[in-house]
PDB file of all heavy atoms in Angstrom:
ATOM      1  N   ALA A   1       0.814  -1.214   0.000  1.00  0.00           N
ATOM      2  CA  ALA A   1       0.000   0.000   0.000  1.00  0.00           C
ATOM      3  C   ALA A   1       0.849   1.266   0.000  1.00  0.00           C
ATOM      4  O   ALA A   1       0.461   2.283  -0.585  1.00  0.00           O
ATOM      5  CB  ALA A   1      -0.936   0.002   1.206  1.00  0.00           C
ATOM      6  N   PHE A   2       2.028   1.198   0.641  1.00  0.00           N
ATOM      7  CA  PHE A   2       2.857   2.401   0.758  1.00  0.00           C
ATOM      8  C   PHE A   2       4.253   2.136   0.168  1.00  0.00           C
ATOM      9  O   PHE A   2       4.400   1.959  -1.015  1.00  0.00           O
ATOM     10  CB  PHE A   2       2.931   2.849   2.218  1.00  0.00           C
ATOM     11  CG  PHE A   2       1.579   3.180   2.791  1.00  0.00           C
ATOM     12  CD1 PHE A   2       0.960   2.322   3.682  1.00  0.00           C
ATOM     13  CD2 PHE A   2       0.921   4.350   2.430  1.00  0.00           C
ATOM     14  CE1 PHE A   2      -0.294   2.617   4.204  1.00  0.00           C
ATOM     15  CE2 PHE A   2      -0.336   4.658   2.944  1.00  0.00           C
ATOM     16  CZ  PHE A   2      -0.941   3.784   3.834  1.00  0.00           C
ATOM     17  N   ASP A   3       5.255   2.059   1.017  1.00  0.00           N
ATOM     18  CA  ASP A   3       6.611   1.791   0.548  1.00  0.00           C
ATOM     19  C   ASP A   3       7.381   1.145   1.690  1.00  0.00           C
ATOM     20  O   ASP A   3       6.851   0.908   2.778  1.00  0.00           O
ATOM     21  CB  ASP A   3       7.306   3.064   0.067  1.00  0.00           C
ATOM     22  CG  ASP A   3       7.288   4.167   1.125  1.00  0.00           C
ATOM     23  OD1 ASP A   3       7.174   3.838   2.324  1.00  0.00           O
ATOM     24  OD2 ASP A   3       7.374   5.346   0.768  1.00  0.00           O
ATOM     25  N   TYR A   4       8.662   0.861   1.439  1.00  0.00           N
ATOM     26  CA  TYR A   4       9.429   0.149   2.461  1.00  0.00           C
ATOM     27  C   TYR A   4       9.637   0.990   3.716  1.00  0.00           C
ATOM     28  O   TYR A   4       9.769   0.450   4.827  1.00  0.00           O
ATOM     29  CB  TYR A   4      10.784  -0.292   1.890  1.00  0.00           C
ATOM     30  CG  TYR A   4      11.816   0.806   1.781  1.00  0.00           C
ATOM     31  CD1 TYR A   4      12.724   1.032   2.822  1.00  0.00           C
ATOM     32  CD2 TYR A   4      11.899   1.615   0.660  1.00  0.00           C
ATOM     33  CE1 TYR A   4      13.668   2.030   2.744  1.00  0.00           C
ATOM     34  CE2 TYR A   4      12.842   2.614   0.571  1.00  0.00           C
ATOM     35  CZ  TYR A   4      13.729   2.821   1.611  1.00  0.00           C
ATOM     36  OH  TYR A   4      14.661   3.820   1.529  1.00  0.00           O
ATOM     37  N   LYS A   5       9.651   2.323   3.560  1.00  0.00           N
ATOM     38  CA  LYS A   5       9.816   3.175   4.739  1.00  0.00           C
ATOM     39  C   LYS A   5       8.627   3.034   5.672  1.00  0.00           C
ATOM     40  O   LYS A   5       8.783   2.997   6.900  1.00  0.00           O
ATOM     41  CB  LYS A   5      10.002   4.631   4.310  1.00  0.00           C
ATOM     42  CG  LYS A   5      11.337   4.905   3.634  1.00  0.00           C
ATOM     43  CD  LYS A   5      11.490   6.385   3.301  1.00  0.00           C
ATOM     44  CE  LYS A   5      12.836   6.659   2.657  1.00  0.00           C
ATOM     45  NZ  LYS A   5      12.993   8.092   2.293  1.00  0.00           N
ATOM     46  N   ALA A   6       7.421   2.979   5.097  1.00  0.00           N
ATOM     47  CA  ALA A   6       6.230   2.773   5.915  1.00  0.00           C
ATOM     48  C   ALA A   6       6.277   1.414   6.590  1.00  0.00           C
ATOM     49  O   ALA A   6       5.908   1.264   7.768  1.00  0.00           O
ATOM     50  CB  ALA A   6       4.970   2.891   5.049  1.00  0.00           C
ATOM     51  N   GLY A   7       6.757   0.409   5.860  1.00  0.00           N
ATOM     52  CA  GLY A   7       6.903  -0.928   6.447  1.00  0.00           C
ATOM     53  C   GLY A   7       7.880  -0.924   7.599  1.00  0.00           C
ATOM     54  O   GLY A   7       7.623  -1.514   8.660  1.00  0.00           O
ATOM     55  N   ASP A   8       9.019  -0.262   7.416  1.00  0.00           N
ATOM     56  CA  ASP A   8      10.012  -0.180   8.493  1.00  0.00           C
ATOM     57  C   ASP A   8       9.454   0.552   9.711  1.00  0.00           C
ATOM     58  O   ASP A   8       9.749   0.210  10.860  1.00  0.00           O
ATOM     59  CB  ASP A   8      11.271   0.530   7.997  1.00  0.00           C
ATOM     60  CG  ASP A   8      12.153  -0.372   7.133  1.00  0.00           C
ATOM     61  OD1 ASP A   8      11.791  -1.559   6.968  1.00  0.00           O
ATOM     62  OD2 ASP A   8      13.182   0.103   6.635  1.00  0.00           O
ATOM     63  N   ASP A   9       8.648   1.576   9.458  1.00  0.00           N
ATOM     64  CA  ASP A   9       8.042   2.329  10.561  1.00  0.00           C
ATOM     65  C   ASP A   9       7.120   1.437  11.389  1.00  0.00           C
ATOM     66  O   ASP A   9       7.155   1.458  12.629  1.00  0.00           O
ATOM     67  CB  ASP A   9       7.271   3.523  10.003  1.00  0.00           C
ATOM     68  CG  ASP A   9       6.596   4.334  11.109  1.00  0.00           C
ATOM     69  OD1 ASP A   9       7.279   4.694  12.083  1.00  0.00           O
ATOM     70  OD2 ASP A   9       5.377   4.579  10.997  1.00  0.00           O
ATOM     71  N   ILE A  10       6.312   0.606  10.708  1.00  0.00           N
ATOM     72  CA  ILE A  10       5.420  -0.323  11.412  1.00  0.00           C
ATOM     73  C   ILE A  10       6.241  -1.334  12.215  1.00  0.00           C
ATOM     74  O   ILE A  10       5.944  -1.608  13.389  1.00  0.00           O
ATOM     75  CB  ILE A  10       4.493  -1.047  10.418  1.00  0.00           C
ATOM     76  CG1 ILE A  10       3.413  -0.096   9.899  1.00  0.00           C
ATOM     77  CG2 ILE A  10       3.850  -2.281  11.055  1.00  0.00           C
ATOM     78  CD1 ILE A  10       2.393   0.321  10.933  1.00  0.00           C
ATOM     79  N   LEU A  11       7.261  -1.897  11.603  1.00  0.00           N
ATOM     80  CA  LEU A  11       8.081  -2.891  12.302  1.00  0.00           C
ATOM     81  C   LEU A  11       8.768  -2.285  13.524  1.00  0.00           C
ATOM     82  O   LEU A  11       8.868  -2.933  14.575  1.00  0.00           O
ATOM     83  CB  LEU A  11       9.122  -3.479  11.349  1.00  0.00           C
ATOM     84  CG  LEU A  11       8.590  -4.350  10.209  1.00  0.00           C
ATOM     85  CD1 LEU A  11       9.727  -4.821   9.323  1.00  0.00           C
ATOM     86  CD2 LEU A  11       7.828  -5.565  10.762  1.00  0.00           C
ATOM     87  N   LEU A  12       9.234  -1.041  13.390  1.00  0.00           N
ATOM     88  CA  LEU A  12       9.886  -0.385  14.518  1.00  0.00           C
ATOM     89  C   LEU A  12       8.899  -0.162  15.664  1.00  0.00           C
ATOM     90  O   LEU A  12       9.242  -0.366  16.845  1.00  0.00           O
ATOM     91  CB  LEU A  12      10.481   0.947  14.066  1.00  0.00           C
ATOM     92  CG  LEU A  12      11.341   1.689  15.090  1.00  0.00           C
ATOM     93  CD1 LEU A  12      12.533   0.834  15.519  1.00  0.00           C
ATOM     94  CD2 LEU A  12      11.828   3.021  14.514  1.00  0.00           C
ATOM     95  N   GLN A  13       7.668   0.207  15.326  1.00  0.00           N
ATOM     96  CA  GLN A  13       6.641   0.352  16.363  1.00  0.00           C
ATOM     97  C   GLN A  13       6.368  -0.982  17.056  1.00  0.00           C
ATOM     98  O   GLN A  13       6.198  -1.040  18.278  1.00  0.00           O
ATOM     99  CB  GLN A  13       5.341   0.890  15.746  1.00  0.00           C
ATOM    100  CG  GLN A  13       5.415   2.322  15.250  1.00  0.00           C
ATOM    101  CD  GLN A  13       4.066   2.787  14.714  1.00  0.00           C
ATOM    102  OE1 GLN A  13       3.061   2.760  15.424  1.00  0.00           O
ATOM    103  NE2 GLN A  13       4.045   3.224  13.459  1.00  0.00           N
ATOM    104  N   ILE A  14       6.326  -2.046  16.278  1.00  0.00           N
ATOM    105  CA  ILE A  14       6.089  -3.381  16.853  1.00  0.00           C
ATOM    106  C   ILE A  14       7.209  -3.747  17.814  1.00  0.00           C
ATOM    107  O   ILE A  14       6.967  -4.221  18.935  1.00  0.00           O
ATOM    108  CB  ILE A  14       5.963  -4.428  15.730  1.00  0.00           C
ATOM    109  CG1 ILE A  14       4.653  -4.236  14.968  1.00  0.00           C
ATOM    110  CG2 ILE A  14       6.053  -5.852  16.302  1.00  0.00           C
ATOM    111  CD1 ILE A  14       4.512  -5.108  13.738  1.00  0.00           C
ATOM    112  N   VAL A  15       8.450  -3.524  17.397  1.00  0.00           N
ATOM    113  CA  VAL A  15       9.610  -3.842  18.242  1.00  0.00           C
ATOM    114  C   VAL A  15       9.535  -3.103  19.569  1.00  0.00           C
ATOM    115  O   VAL A  15       9.714  -3.687  20.651  1.00  0.00           O
ATOM    116  CB  VAL A  15      10.919  -3.491  17.505  1.00  0.00           C
ATOM    117  CG1 VAL A  15      12.094  -3.477  18.472  1.00  0.00           C
ATOM    118  CG2 VAL A  15      11.175  -4.488  16.378  1.00  0.00           C
ATOM    119  N   ASN A  16       9.273  -1.825  19.513  1.00  0.00           N
ATOM    120  CA  ASN A  16       9.258  -1.033  20.745  1.00  0.00           C
ATOM    121  C   ASN A  16       8.068  -1.372  21.634  1.00  0.00           C
ATOM    122  O   ASN A  16       8.166  -1.323  22.862  1.00  0.00           O
ATOM    123  CB  ASN A  16       9.287   0.461  20.405  1.00  0.00           C
ATOM    124  CG  ASN A  16      10.666   0.909  19.950  1.00  0.00           C
ATOM    125  OD1 ASN A  16      11.667   0.546  20.564  1.00  0.00           O
ATOM    126  ND2 ASN A  16      10.731   1.679  18.871  1.00  0.00           N
ATOM    127  N   ARG A  17       6.949  -1.758  21.023  1.00  0.00           N
ATOM    128  CA  ARG A  17       5.821  -2.230  21.844  1.00  0.00           C
ATOM    129  C   ARG A  17       6.161  -3.544  22.540  1.00  0.00           C
ATOM    130  O   ARG A  17       5.764  -3.756  23.692  1.00  0.00           O
ATOM    131  CB  ARG A  17       4.580  -2.411  20.977  1.00  0.00           C
ATOM    132  CG  ARG A  17       3.830  -1.137  20.674  1.00  0.00           C
ATOM    133  CD  ARG A  17       2.395  -1.476  20.342  1.00  0.00           C
ATOM    134  NE  ARG A  17       1.634  -0.365  19.824  1.00  0.00           N
ATOM    135  CZ  ARG A  17       0.342  -0.433  19.540  1.00  0.00           C
ATOM    136  NH1 ARG A  17      -0.308  -1.575  19.716  1.00  0.00           N
ATOM    137  NH2 ARG A  17      -0.302   0.612  19.072  1.00  0.00           N
ATOM    138  N   ILE A  18       6.850  -4.427  21.836  1.00  0.00           N
ATOM    139  CA  ILE A  18       7.237  -5.701  22.453  1.00  0.00           C
ATOM    140  C   ILE A  18       8.117  -5.444  23.670  1.00  0.00           C
ATOM    141  O   ILE A  18       7.983  -6.111  24.709  1.00  0.00           O
ATOM    142  CB  ILE A  18       7.956  -6.598  21.419  1.00  0.00           C
ATOM    143  CG1 ILE A  18       6.946  -7.117  20.392  1.00  0.00           C
ATOM    144  CG2 ILE A  18       8.654  -7.767  22.105  1.00  0.00           C
ATOM    145  CD1 ILE A  18       7.570  -7.909  19.257  1.00  0.00           C
ATOM    146  N   HIS A  19       9.010  -4.460  23.570  1.00  0.00           N
ATOM    147  CA  HIS A  19       9.853  -4.131  24.733  1.00  0.00           C
ATOM    148  C   HIS A  19       9.013  -3.552  25.874  1.00  0.00           C
ATOM    149  O   HIS A  19       9.303  -3.790  27.047  1.00  0.00           O
ATOM    150  CB  HIS A  19      10.947  -3.146  24.326  1.00  0.00           C
ATOM    151  CG  HIS A  19      12.179  -3.806  23.783  1.00  0.00           C
ATOM    152  ND1 HIS A  19      12.966  -4.648  24.543  1.00  0.00           N
ATOM    153  CD2 HIS A  19      12.737  -3.765  22.556  1.00  0.00           C
ATOM    154  CE1 HIS A  19      13.978  -5.078  23.805  1.00  0.00           C
ATOM    155  NE2 HIS A  19      13.870  -4.566  22.592  1.00  0.00           N
ATOM    156  N   ILE A  20       7.974  -2.806  25.540  1.00  0.00           N
ATOM    157  CA  ILE A  20       7.083  -2.281  26.586  1.00  0.00           C
ATOM    158  C   ILE A  20       6.376  -3.438  27.299  1.00  0.00           C
ATOM    159  O   ILE A  20       6.228  -3.450  28.527  1.00  0.00           O
ATOM    160  CB  ILE A  20       6.055  -1.300  25.978  1.00  0.00           C
ATOM    161  CG1 ILE A  20       6.757  -0.035  25.502  1.00  0.00           C
ATOM    162  CG2 ILE A  20       4.960  -0.965  26.990  1.00  0.00           C
ATOM    163  CD1 ILE A  20       5.859   0.909  24.718  1.00  0.00           C
ATOM    164  N   ILE A  21       5.956  -4.436  26.512  1.00  0.00           N
ATOM    165  CA  ILE A  21       5.219  -5.574  27.088  1.00  0.00           C
ATOM    166  C   ILE A  21       6.122  -6.420  27.969  1.00  0.00           C
ATOM    167  O   ILE A  21       5.777  -6.773  29.103  1.00  0.00           O
ATOM    168  CB  ILE A  21       4.635  -6.454  25.964  1.00  0.00           C
ATOM    169  CG1 ILE A  21       3.663  -5.658  25.100  1.00  0.00           C
ATOM    170  CG2 ILE A  21       3.926  -7.670  26.545  1.00  0.00           C
ATOM    171  CD1 ILE A  21       3.283  -6.384  23.816  1.00  0.00           C
ATOM    172  N   PHE A  22       7.307  -6.762  27.454  1.00  0.00           N
ATOM    173  CA  PHE A  22       8.144  -7.771  28.127  1.00  0.00           C
ATOM    174  C   PHE A  22       9.390  -7.205  28.802  1.00  0.00           C
ATOM    175  O   PHE A  22      10.169  -7.961  29.394  1.00  0.00           O
ATOM    176  CB  PHE A  22       8.560  -8.850  27.122  1.00  0.00           C
ATOM    177  CG  PHE A  22       7.397  -9.607  26.543  1.00  0.00           C
ATOM    178  CD1 PHE A  22       7.148  -9.598  25.183  1.00  0.00           C
ATOM    179  CD2 PHE A  22       6.551 -10.347  27.355  1.00  0.00           C
ATOM    180  CE1 PHE A  22       6.080 -10.307  24.637  1.00  0.00           C
ATOM    181  CE2 PHE A  22       5.478 -11.047  26.834  1.00  0.00           C
ATOM    182  CZ  PHE A  22       5.240 -11.023  25.464  1.00  0.00           C
ATOM    183  N   GLY A  23       9.607  -5.903  28.693  1.00  0.00           N
ATOM    184  CA  GLY A  23      10.719  -5.303  29.421  1.00  0.00           C
ATOM    185  C   GLY A  23      11.857  -4.869  28.516  1.00  0.00           C
ATOM    186  O   GLY A  23      12.110  -5.444  27.454  1.00  0.00           O
ATOM    187  N   GLU A  24      12.540  -3.821  28.956  1.00  0.00           N
ATOM    188  CA  GLU A  24      13.649  -3.261  28.186  1.00  0.00           C
ATOM    189  C   GLU A  24      14.803  -4.245  28.030  1.00  0.00           C
ATOM    190  O   GLU A  24      15.560  -4.173  27.066  1.00  0.00           O
ATOM    191  CB  GLU A  24      14.144  -1.983  28.885  1.00  0.00           C
ATOM    192  CG  GLU A  24      13.148  -0.838  28.869  1.00  0.00           C
ATOM    193  CD  GLU A  24      13.028  -0.202  27.505  1.00  0.00           C
ATOM    194  OE1 GLU A  24      14.033   0.269  26.968  1.00  0.00           O
ATOM    195  OE2 GLU A  24      11.906  -0.195  26.954  1.00  0.00           O
ATOM    196  N   ASP A  25      14.969  -5.160  28.968  1.00  0.00           N
ATOM    197  CA  ASP A  25      16.114  -6.079  28.946  1.00  0.00           C
ATOM    198  C   ASP A  25      15.843  -7.349  28.141  1.00  0.00           C
ATOM    199  O   ASP A  25      16.680  -8.252  28.107  1.00  0.00           O
ATOM    200  CB  ASP A  25      16.503  -6.473  30.383  1.00  0.00           C
ATOM    201  CG  ASP A  25      16.987  -5.264  31.183  1.00  0.00           C
ATOM    202  OD1 ASP A  25      17.545  -4.338  30.563  1.00  0.00           O
ATOM    203  OD2 ASP A  25      16.796  -5.251  32.416  1.00  0.00           O
TER     204      ASP A  25
END
């Protein structure tokens, strides 16, 4: 629908949410 930058932005949000759920470490 968009481009690879939009895809990377979504993946980065997912990564940082996972750290919020399970901890920074």
